[in-house]
């Protein structure tokens, strides 16, 4: 693989990771994950907790992905 291909792959992976992290914030407050939440419950701790859990899972999957790719090419 050339350096340009590796750089492009890393850049695209980072872009997808950032988009996945921003996705809940880009949606409406009452539709955080494609599920309608009543406006009075939008600030509920359960919704905030699921958003945090989603972001942690995206970060952990995104950080482990490059490691597994490096292991498979070694």
N, C-alpha and C. Protein backbone atom coordinates (compact mmCIF):
# COMPACT_ATOMS: atom_id res chain seq x y z
N UNK A 1 0.83 -1.18 0.00
CA UNK A 1 0.00 0.00 0.00
C UNK A 1 0.87 1.24 0.00
N UNK A 2 0.45 2.21 -0.75
CA UNK A 2 1.23 3.45 -0.77
C UNK A 2 0.84 4.32 0.41
N UNK A 3 1.67 5.27 0.68
CA UNK A 3 1.42 6.19 1.79
C UNK A 3 0.14 7.00 1.53
N UNK A 4 -0.09 7.37 0.30
CA UNK A 4 -1.30 8.14 -0.03
C UNK A 4 -2.56 7.32 0.25
N UNK A 5 -2.53 6.03 -0.07
CA UNK A 5 -3.70 5.18 0.17
C UNK A 5 -3.94 5.01 1.66
N UNK A 6 -2.88 4.86 2.43
CA UNK A 6 -3.02 4.72 3.88
C UNK A 6 -3.55 6.02 4.48
N UNK A 7 -3.02 7.15 4.02
CA UNK A 7 -3.48 8.45 4.52
C UNK A 7 -4.95 8.67 4.17
N UNK A 8 -5.34 8.33 2.97
CA UNK A 8 -6.73 8.48 2.56
C UNK A 8 -7.65 7.58 3.39
N UNK A 9 -7.23 6.37 3.61
CA UNK A 9 -8.02 5.44 4.41
C UNK A 9 -8.17 5.93 5.84
N UNK A 10 -7.10 6.42 6.44
CA UNK A 10 -7.16 6.95 7.80
C UNK A 10 -8.04 8.20 7.86
N UNK A 11 -7.92 9.05 6.87
CA UNK A 11 -8.74 10.26 6.83
C UNK A 11 -10.22 9.96 6.71
N UNK A 12 -10.55 9.00 5.85
CA UNK A 12 -11.96 8.63 5.70
C UNK A 12 -12.51 7.95 6.96
N UNK A 13 -11.69 7.14 7.60
CA UNK A 13 -12.10 6.51 8.85
C UNK A 13 -12.35 7.55 9.93
N UNK A 14 -11.48 8.54 10.01
CA UNK A 14 -11.66 9.61 10.99
C UNK A 14 -12.92 10.42 10.69
N UNK A 15 -13.19 10.67 9.42
CA UNK A 15 -14.40 11.40 9.03
C UNK A 15 -15.66 10.64 9.43
N UNK A 16 -15.68 9.35 9.19
CA UNK A 16 -16.84 8.52 9.58
C UNK A 16 -17.00 8.53 11.10
N UNK A 17 -15.90 8.44 11.83
CA UNK A 17 -15.95 8.46 13.28
C UNK A 17 -16.52 9.78 13.79
N UNK A 18 -16.06 10.88 13.25
CA UNK A 18 -16.57 12.19 13.67
C UNK A 18 -18.05 12.34 13.33
N UNK A 19 -18.45 11.89 12.16
CA UNK A 19 -19.86 11.97 11.78
C UNK A 19 -20.72 11.14 12.73
N UNK A 20 -20.24 9.96 13.11
CA UNK A 20 -21.00 9.12 14.03
C UNK A 20 -21.09 9.76 15.42
N UNK A 21 -20.06 10.47 15.83
CA UNK A 21 -20.10 11.14 17.13
C UNK A 21 -21.04 12.34 17.13
N UNK A 22 -21.12 13.03 16.01
CA UNK A 22 -21.94 14.25 15.91
C UNK A 22 -23.41 13.93 15.63
N UNK A 23 -23.68 12.75 15.12
CA UNK A 23 -25.03 12.41 14.70
C UNK A 23 -26.11 12.67 15.75
N UNK A 24 -25.97 12.26 17.01
CA UNK A 24 -27.04 12.55 17.97
C UNK A 24 -27.25 14.05 18.20
N UNK A 25 -26.20 14.83 18.10
CA UNK A 25 -26.33 16.28 18.30
C UNK A 25 -26.97 16.96 17.10
N UNK A 26 -26.81 16.38 15.92
CA UNK A 26 -27.36 16.98 14.71
C UNK A 26 -28.85 16.75 14.59
N UNK A 27 -29.35 15.72 15.25
CA UNK A 27 -30.78 15.41 15.19
C UNK A 27 -31.56 16.32 16.14
N UNK A 28 -32.84 16.34 15.96
CA UNK A 28 -33.71 17.12 16.83
C UNK A 28 -33.63 16.60 18.26
N UNK A 29 -33.84 17.48 19.23
CA UNK A 29 -33.80 17.07 20.64
C UNK A 29 -34.80 15.97 20.94
N UNK A 30 -35.92 15.99 20.23
CA UNK A 30 -36.97 15.01 20.51
C UNK A 30 -36.85 13.75 19.67
N UNK A 31 -35.85 13.67 18.81
CA UNK A 31 -35.62 12.47 18.01
C UNK A 31 -34.11 12.16 18.01
N UNK A 32 -33.54 11.84 19.18
CA UNK A 32 -32.09 11.70 19.24
C UNK A 32 -31.52 10.51 18.47
N UNK A 33 -32.21 9.40 18.42
CA UNK A 33 -31.70 8.21 17.73
C UNK A 33 -32.73 7.66 16.76
N UNK A 34 -33.55 8.52 16.22
CA UNK A 34 -34.59 8.08 15.32
C UNK A 34 -35.84 7.61 16.04
N UNK A 35 -35.88 7.79 17.34
CA UNK A 35 -37.03 7.42 18.15
C UNK A 35 -37.59 8.68 18.78
N UNK A 36 -38.87 8.92 18.59
CA UNK A 36 -39.47 10.13 19.13
C UNK A 36 -39.55 10.06 20.64
N UNK A 37 -39.07 11.13 21.28
CA UNK A 37 -39.13 11.29 22.73
C UNK A 37 -39.98 12.52 22.99
N UNK A 38 -40.97 12.44 23.90
CA UNK A 38 -41.77 13.62 24.21
C UNK A 38 -40.88 14.78 24.66
N UNK A 39 -41.26 15.99 24.29
CA UNK A 39 -40.44 17.17 24.58
C UNK A 39 -40.13 17.30 26.07
N UNK A 40 -41.08 16.97 26.93
CA UNK A 40 -40.84 17.09 28.37
C UNK A 40 -39.85 16.04 28.88
N UNK A 41 -39.59 14.99 28.11
CA UNK A 41 -38.65 13.94 28.50
C UNK A 41 -37.32 14.02 27.75
N UNK A 42 -37.15 15.01 26.89
CA UNK A 42 -35.94 15.11 26.07
C UNK A 42 -34.68 15.30 26.92
N UNK A 43 -34.81 15.94 28.07
CA UNK A 43 -33.66 16.17 28.95
C UNK A 43 -33.57 15.13 30.07
N UNK A 44 -34.30 14.06 29.94
CA UNK A 44 -34.31 13.00 30.94
C UNK A 44 -32.91 12.39 31.07
N UNK A 45 -32.49 12.03 32.28
CA UNK A 45 -31.17 11.42 32.45
C UNK A 45 -30.99 10.12 31.66
N UNK A 46 -32.06 9.40 31.42
CA UNK A 46 -31.94 8.15 30.64
C UNK A 46 -31.54 8.44 29.20
N UNK A 47 -32.08 9.50 28.62
CA UNK A 47 -31.73 9.87 27.24
C UNK A 47 -30.28 10.34 27.19
N UNK A 48 -29.89 11.17 28.16
CA UNK A 48 -28.50 11.64 28.21
C UNK A 48 -27.53 10.48 28.43
N UNK A 49 -27.93 9.53 29.26
CA UNK A 49 -27.09 8.36 29.51
C UNK A 49 -26.90 7.51 28.27
N UNK A 50 -27.97 7.34 27.49
CA UNK A 50 -27.86 6.56 26.26
C UNK A 50 -26.99 7.28 25.23
N UNK A 51 -27.06 8.60 25.21
CA UNK A 51 -26.20 9.37 24.30
C UNK A 51 -24.74 9.19 24.68
N UNK A 52 -24.44 9.26 25.99
CA UNK A 52 -23.06 9.04 26.45
C UNK A 52 -22.59 7.62 26.12
N UNK A 53 -23.44 6.65 26.37
CA UNK A 53 -23.10 5.26 26.08
C UNK A 53 -22.83 5.06 24.59
N UNK A 54 -23.66 5.67 23.75
CA UNK A 54 -23.47 5.58 22.29
C UNK A 54 -22.12 6.16 21.90
N UNK A 55 -21.78 7.33 22.44
CA UNK A 55 -20.51 7.97 22.08
C UNK A 55 -19.32 7.14 22.56
N UNK A 56 -19.39 6.56 23.76
CA UNK A 56 -18.31 5.71 24.25
C UNK A 56 -18.14 4.49 23.35
N UNK A 57 -19.26 3.91 22.93
CA UNK A 57 -19.17 2.74 22.06
C UNK A 57 -18.60 3.09 20.69
N UNK A 58 -18.98 4.24 20.16
CA UNK A 58 -18.43 4.67 18.87
C UNK A 58 -16.94 4.93 18.99
N UNK A 59 -16.53 5.59 20.07
CA UNK A 59 -15.11 5.86 20.27
C UNK A 59 -14.31 4.56 20.45
N UNK A 60 -14.85 3.63 21.22
CA UNK A 60 -14.10 2.39 21.43
C UNK A 60 -14.03 1.57 20.15
N UNK A 61 -15.11 1.53 19.38
CA UNK A 61 -15.08 0.81 18.11
C UNK A 61 -14.15 1.51 17.12
N UNK A 62 -14.18 2.84 17.10
CA UNK A 62 -13.32 3.58 16.19
C UNK A 62 -11.85 3.48 16.54
N UNK A 63 -11.55 3.38 17.83
CA UNK A 63 -10.14 3.29 18.22
C UNK A 63 -9.61 1.87 18.04
N UNK A 64 -10.48 0.87 18.14
CA UNK A 64 -10.00 -0.51 17.95
C UNK A 64 -9.93 -0.89 16.48
N UNK A 65 -10.65 -0.20 15.64
CA UNK A 65 -10.66 -0.51 14.21
C UNK A 65 -9.27 -0.36 13.56
N UNK A 66 -8.56 0.74 13.78
CA UNK A 66 -7.23 0.85 13.16
C UNK A 66 -6.25 -0.20 13.68
N UNK A 67 -6.38 -0.57 14.96
CA UNK A 67 -5.49 -1.59 15.50
C UNK A 67 -5.70 -2.93 14.83
N UNK A 68 -6.96 -3.29 14.63
CA UNK A 68 -7.23 -4.57 13.97
C UNK A 68 -6.81 -4.53 12.52
N UNK A 69 -6.91 -3.38 11.89
CA UNK A 69 -6.46 -3.27 10.50
C UNK A 69 -4.94 -3.42 10.41
N UNK A 70 -4.24 -2.85 11.38
CA UNK A 70 -2.78 -2.99 11.38
C UNK A 70 -2.37 -4.44 11.62
N UNK A 71 -3.10 -5.13 12.49
CA UNK A 71 -2.76 -6.53 12.75
C UNK A 71 -3.01 -7.41 11.54
N UNK A 72 -4.05 -7.08 10.78
CA UNK A 72 -4.37 -7.92 9.62
C UNK A 72 -3.39 -7.71 8.47
N UNK A 73 -2.71 -6.56 8.42
CA UNK A 73 -1.76 -6.31 7.34
C UNK A 73 -0.33 -6.71 7.72
N UNK A 74 -0.12 -7.02 8.99
CA UNK A 74 1.23 -7.35 9.46
C UNK A 74 1.66 -8.73 9.03
